[in-house]
C-alpha atoms as a PDB file:
ATOM      1  CA  UNK A   1      99.762-139.380 203.844  1.00  0.00           C
ATOM      2  CA  UNK A   2      98.061-137.620 200.998  1.00  0.00           C
ATOM      3  CA  UNK A   3      94.279-137.497 201.012  1.00  0.00           C
ATOM      4  CA  UNK A   4      92.407-139.955 198.804  1.00  0.00           C
ATOM      5  CA  UNK A   5      89.005-138.551 197.865  1.00  0.00           C
ATOM      6  CA  UNK A   6      86.149-140.971 198.569  1.00  0.00           C
ATOM      7  CA  UNK A   7      82.905-139.035 198.185  1.00  0.00           C
ATOM      8  CA  UNK A   8      81.133-135.711 198.423  1.00  0.00           C
ATOM      9  CA  UNK A   9      77.975-135.412 200.531  1.00  0.00           C
ATOM     10  CA  UNK A  10      75.359-132.776 199.898  1.00  0.00           C
ATOM     11  CA  UNK A  11      74.145-131.643 203.334  1.00  0.00           C
ATOM     12  CA  UNK A  12      72.092-128.838 204.803  1.00  0.00           C
ATOM     13  CA  UNK A  13      75.442-127.228 205.629  1.00  0.00           C
ATOM     14  CA  UNK A  14      76.833-127.490 202.091  1.00  0.00           C
ATOM     15  CA  UNK A  15      79.082-130.010 200.382  1.00  0.00           C
ATOM     16  CA  UNK A  16      81.142-132.190 202.722  1.00  0.00           C
ATOM     17  CA  UNK A  17      84.083-134.125 201.273  1.00  0.00           C
ATOM     18  CA  UNK A  18      85.082-137.436 202.861  1.00  0.00           C
ATOM     19  CA  UNK A  19      88.646-138.613 202.250  1.00  0.00           C
ATOM     20  CA  UNK A  20      90.968-141.332 203.477  1.00  0.00           C
ATOM     21  CA  UNK A  21      93.833-139.426 205.112  1.00  0.00           C
ATOM     22  CA  UNK A  22      95.837-139.134 208.297  1.00  0.00           C
ATOM     23  CA  UNK A  23      95.819-135.843 210.186  1.00  0.00           C
ATOM     24  CA  UNK A  24      98.164-134.345 212.755  1.00  0.00           C
ATOM     25  CA  UNK A  25      97.657-134.684 216.489  1.00  0.00           C
ATOM     26  CA  UNK A  26      97.306-130.889 216.647  1.00  0.00           C
ATOM     27  CA  UNK A  27      94.453-130.924 214.107  1.00  0.00           C
ATOM     28  CA  UNK A  28      92.747-133.823 215.867  1.00  0.00           C
ATOM     29  CA  UNK A  29      92.958-132.157 219.287  1.00  0.00           C
ATOM     30  CA  UNK A  30      91.499-128.943 217.840  1.00  0.00           C
ATOM     31  CA  UNK A  31      88.665-130.986 216.288  1.00  0.00           C
ATOM     32  CA  UNK A  32      87.994-132.680 219.642  1.00  0.00           C
ATOM     33  CA  UNK A  33      87.149-129.294 221.188  1.00  0.00           C
ATOM     34  CA  UNK A  34      84.197-129.041 218.766  1.00  0.00           C
ATOM     35  CA  UNK A  35      82.745-132.499 219.381  1.00  0.00           C
ATOM     36  CA  UNK A  36      81.533-134.713 222.204  1.00  0.00           C
ATOM     37  CA  UNK A  37      84.272-137.176 221.239  1.00  0.00           C
ATOM     38  CA  UNK A  38      86.624-135.022 223.332  1.00  0.00           C
ATOM     39  CA  UNK A  39      85.188-136.586 226.505  1.00  0.00           C
ATOM     40  CA  UNK A  40      86.215-140.157 225.714  1.00  0.00           C
ATOM     41  CA  UNK A  41      89.938-139.947 226.445  1.00  0.00           C
ATOM     42  CA  UNK A  42      91.756-140.153 229.768  1.00  0.00           C
ATOM     43  CA  UNK A  43      93.913-137.272 230.922  1.00  0.00           C
ATOM     44  CA  UNK A  44      96.965-139.492 231.477  1.00  0.00           C
ATOM     45  CA  UNK A  45      99.645-138.936 228.795  1.00  0.00           C
ATOM     46  CA  UNK A  46      96.950-137.455 226.550  1.00  0.00           C
ATOM     47  CA  UNK A  47      99.177-135.627 224.042  1.00  0.00           C
ATOM     48  CA  UNK A  48     101.585-138.552 223.596  1.00  0.00           C
ATOM     49  CA  UNK A  49      98.772-141.048 223.186  1.00  0.00           C
ATOM     50  CA  UNK A  50      96.864-138.894 220.677  1.00  0.00           C
ATOM     51  CA  UNK A  51     100.066-138.590 218.637  1.00  0.00           C
ATOM     52  CA  UNK A  52     100.305-142.404 218.548  1.00  0.00           C
ATOM     53  CA  UNK A  53      96.620-142.709 217.700  1.00  0.00           C
ATOM     54  CA  UNK A  54      96.667-140.438 214.647  1.00  0.00           C
ATOM     55  CA  UNK A  55      99.958-141.891 213.387  1.00  0.00           C
ATOM     56  CA  UNK A  56      98.971-145.546 213.716  1.00  0.00           C
ATOM     57  CA  UNK A  57      95.262-145.932 213.015  1.00  0.00           C
ATOM     58  CA  UNK A  58      94.710-148.191 210.000  1.00  0.00           C
ATOM     59  CA  UNK A  59      91.563-146.565 208.713  1.00  0.00           C
ATOM     60  CA  UNK A  60      91.306-142.792 208.912  1.00  0.00           C
ATOM     61  CA  UNK A  61      88.343-141.045 207.291  1.00  0.00           C
ATOM     62  CA  UNK A  62      88.146-137.264 207.477  1.00  0.00           C
ATOM     63  CA  UNK A  63      85.123-135.127 206.521  1.00  0.00           C
ATOM     64  CA  UNK A  64      85.855-131.533 205.495  1.00  0.00           C
ATOM     65  CA  UNK A  65      83.911-128.507 204.353  1.00  0.00           C
ATOM     66  CA  UNK A  66      84.770-126.711 201.122  1.00  0.00           C
ATOM     67  CA  UNK A  67      86.862-124.344 203.265  1.00  0.00           C
ATOM     68  CA  UNK A  68      88.886-127.383 204.503  1.00  0.00           C
ATOM     69  CA  UNK A  69      87.462-127.313 208.061  1.00  0.00           C
ATOM     70  CA  UNK A  70      87.421-130.786 209.630  1.00  0.00           C
ATOM     71  CA  UNK A  71      83.828-131.597 210.608  1.00  0.00           C
ATOM     72  CA  UNK A  72      83.956-135.379 210.966  1.00  0.00           C
ATOM     73  CA  UNK A  73      86.397-138.135 211.849  1.00  0.00           C
ATOM     74  CA  UNK A  74      86.172-141.911 211.765  1.00  0.00           C
ATOM     75  CA  UNK A  75      89.148-144.030 212.874  1.00  0.00           C
ATOM     76  CA  UNK A  76      89.193-147.809 212.784  1.00  0.00           C
ATOM     77  CA  UNK A  77      91.228-150.983 213.083  1.00  0.00           C
ATOM     78  CA  UNK A  78      90.509-153.941 210.821  1.00  0.00           C
ATOM     79  CA  UNK A  79      91.772-157.313 209.624  1.00  0.00           C
ATOM     80  CA  UNK A  80      90.165-156.646 206.201  1.00  0.00           C
ATOM     81  CA  UNK A  81      88.542-160.092 206.343  1.00  0.00           C
ATOM     82  CA  UNK A  82      86.050-160.268 209.224  1.00  0.00           C
ATOM     83  CA  UNK A  83      86.235-157.399 211.728  1.00  0.00           C
ATOM     84  CA  UNK A  84      86.267-153.628 211.933  1.00  0.00           C
ATOM     85  CA  UNK A  85      86.580-151.877 215.279  1.00  0.00           C
ATOM     86  CA  UNK A  86      85.644-148.223 214.931  1.00  0.00           C
ATOM     87  CA  UNK A  87      87.678-146.558 217.664  1.00  0.00           C
ATOM     88  CA  UNK A  88      86.697-142.940 217.097  1.00  0.00           C
ATOM     89  CA  UNK A  89      83.660-141.439 215.393  1.00  0.00           C
ATOM     90  CA  UNK A  90      83.028-137.764 215.934  1.00  0.00           C
ATOM     91  CA  UNK A  91      81.113-134.999 214.219  1.00  0.00           C
ATOM     92  CA  UNK A  92      81.510-131.271 214.838  1.00  0.00           C
ATOM     93  CA  UNK A  93      78.522-130.204 216.977  1.00  0.00           C
ATOM     94  CA  UNK A  94      77.478-127.683 214.298  1.00  0.00           C
ATOM     95  CA  UNK A  95      77.278-130.458 211.675  1.00  0.00           C
ATOM     96  CA  UNK A  96      75.431-133.278 213.453  1.00  0.00           C
ATOM     97  CA  UNK A  97      72.220-134.625 211.892  1.00  0.00           C
ATOM     98  CA  UNK A  98      73.514-134.106 208.357  1.00  0.00           C
ATOM     99  CA  UNK A  99      74.240-137.770 207.539  1.00  0.00           C
ATOM    100  CA  UNK A 100      78.003-137.419 207.924  1.00  0.00           C
ATOM    101  CA  UNK A 101      78.428-139.967 210.731  1.00  0.00           C
ATOM    102  CA  UNK A 102      76.222-142.591 209.091  1.00  0.00           C
ATOM    103  CA  UNK A 103      78.041-142.110 205.778  1.00  0.00           C
ATOM    104  CA  UNK A 104      81.412-142.479 207.475  1.00  0.00           C
ATOM    105  CA  UNK A 105      80.377-145.771 209.124  1.00  0.00           C
ATOM    106  CA  UNK A 106      79.174-147.115 205.762  1.00  0.00           C
ATOM    107  CA  UNK A 107      82.365-146.009 203.999  1.00  0.00           C
ATOM    108  CA  UNK A 108      84.582-147.440 206.751  1.00  0.00           C
ATOM    109  CA  UNK A 109      82.882-150.820 206.419  1.00  0.00           C
ATOM    110  CA  UNK A 110      83.325-150.740 202.641  1.00  0.00           C
ATOM    111  CA  UNK A 111      86.992-149.774 202.998  1.00  0.00           C
ATOM    112  CA  UNK A 112      87.526-152.696 205.401  1.00  0.00           C
ATOM    113  CA  UNK A 113      85.953-155.291 203.094  1.00  0.00           C
ATOM    114  CA  UNK A 114      82.256-154.601 202.623  1.00  0.00           C
ATOM    115  CA  UNK A 115      78.950-155.488 204.224  1.00  0.00           C
ATOM    116  CA  UNK A 116      79.102-159.117 203.056  1.00  0.00           C
ATOM    117  CA  UNK A 117      82.375-159.731 204.930  1.00  0.00           C
ATOM    118  CA  UNK A 118      82.832-157.248 207.774  1.00  0.00           C
ATOM    119  CA  UNK A 119      81.268-157.142 211.236  1.00  0.00           C
ATOM    120  CA  UNK A 120      81.509-153.661 212.771  1.00  0.00           C
ATOM    121  CA  UNK A 121      82.186-153.108 216.466  1.00  0.00           C
ATOM    122  CA  UNK A 122      81.982-149.773 218.267  1.00  0.00           C
ATOM    123  CA  UNK A 123      82.605-149.059 221.943  1.00  0.00           C
ATOM    124  CA  UNK A 124      79.714-146.628 222.191  1.00  0.00           C
ATOM    125  CA  UNK A 125      79.391-143.583 224.379  1.00  0.00           C
ATOM    126  CA  UNK A 126      76.042-143.923 226.160  1.00  0.00           C
ATOM    127  CA  UNK A 127      74.767-140.722 224.518  1.00  0.00           C
ATOM    128  CA  UNK A 128      75.496-142.145 221.039  1.00  0.00           C
ATOM    129  CA  UNK A 129      73.718-145.516 221.370  1.00  0.00           C
ATOM    130  CA  UNK A 130      70.531-144.193 219.731  1.00  0.00           C
ATOM    131  CA  UNK A 131      72.517-142.894 216.762  1.00  0.00           C
ATOM    132  CA  UNK A 132      74.289-146.225 216.288  1.00  0.00           C
ATOM    133  CA  UNK A 133      70.982-148.085 216.426  1.00  0.00           C
ATOM    134  CA  UNK A 134      69.645-145.790 213.669  1.00  0.00           C
ATOM    135  CA  UNK A 135      72.707-146.808 211.634  1.00  0.00           C
ATOM    136  CA  UNK A 136      71.708-150.470 211.973  1.00  0.00           C
ATOM    137  CA  UNK A 137      74.027-151.549 214.776  1.00  0.00           C
ATOM    138  CA  UNK A 138      72.740-153.667 217.652  1.00  0.00           C
ATOM    139  CA  UNK A 139      74.063-154.007 221.185  1.00  0.00           C
ATOM    140  CA  UNK A 140      76.363-156.999 221.597  1.00  0.00           C
ATOM    141  CA  UNK A 141      76.048-159.357 224.518  1.00  0.00           C
ATOM    142  CA  UNK A 142      79.411-161.055 224.165  1.00  0.00           C
ATOM    143  CA  UNK A 143      82.029-158.293 224.089  1.00  0.00           C
ATOM    144  CA  UNK A 144      84.633-158.352 226.834  1.00  0.00           C
ATOM    145  CA  UNK A 145      87.058-155.676 227.974  1.00  0.00           C
ATOM    146  CA  UNK A 146      90.182-155.379 230.088  1.00  0.00           C
ATOM    147  CA  UNK A 147      90.241-151.890 231.575  1.00  0.00           C
ATOM    148  CA  UNK A 148      92.685-151.961 234.447  1.00  0.00           C
ATOM    149  CA  UNK A 149      94.488-148.750 233.452  1.00  0.00           C
ATOM    150  CA  UNK A 150      94.694-145.349 235.082  1.00  0.00           C
ATOM    151  CA  UNK A 151      91.861-143.223 233.663  1.00  0.00           C
ATOM    152  CA  UNK A 152      91.131-139.679 234.808  1.00  0.00           C
ATOM    153  CA  UNK A 153      88.148-138.248 232.937  1.00  0.00           C
ATOM    154  CA  UNK A 154      88.383-134.813 231.360  1.00  0.00           C
ATOM    155  CA  UNK A 155      87.080-132.916 228.336  1.00  0.00           C
ATOM    156  CA  UNK A 156      89.499-131.731 225.671  1.00  0.00           C
ATOM    157  CA  UNK A 157      89.608-127.946 225.542  1.00  0.00           C
ATOM    158  CA  UNK A 158      87.779-127.465 228.850  1.00  0.00           C
ATOM    159  CA  UNK A 159      89.955-129.139 231.488  1.00  0.00           C
ATOM    160  CA  UNK A 160      93.567-128.151 231.924  1.00  0.00           C
END
């Protein structure tokens, strides 16, 4: 998929371009080594599952520097009428606190149908709850999950 330019952000680290595009599993895995998002996946069948993830996510926003380095990712699934589930939001550790994550959430919601139509859900890492609250999200009391799968924790780029 070719990149569709969405916006340019002026940050303390320079201009960051956000585009709608799909990236390769290799590029995503490399990005995961530079973000805390790399701790959210299980070890089981990691490479195969990441390949499926990047190839099949409906909404794929990528933030890049002017040198084309990926510094932010936002993946989501939506019905374009009511719901948006943001499955992956990650920012390169060197680029956090520059407004990239908040901008990507706002853009994702707009891409899915806008603030008047779309409810956003995020399965939040405990360390990110404060950030999501600053973005206007609240903790839900009625979400359910079915998690009876094999799940061995590891961190991309650190565990072998």
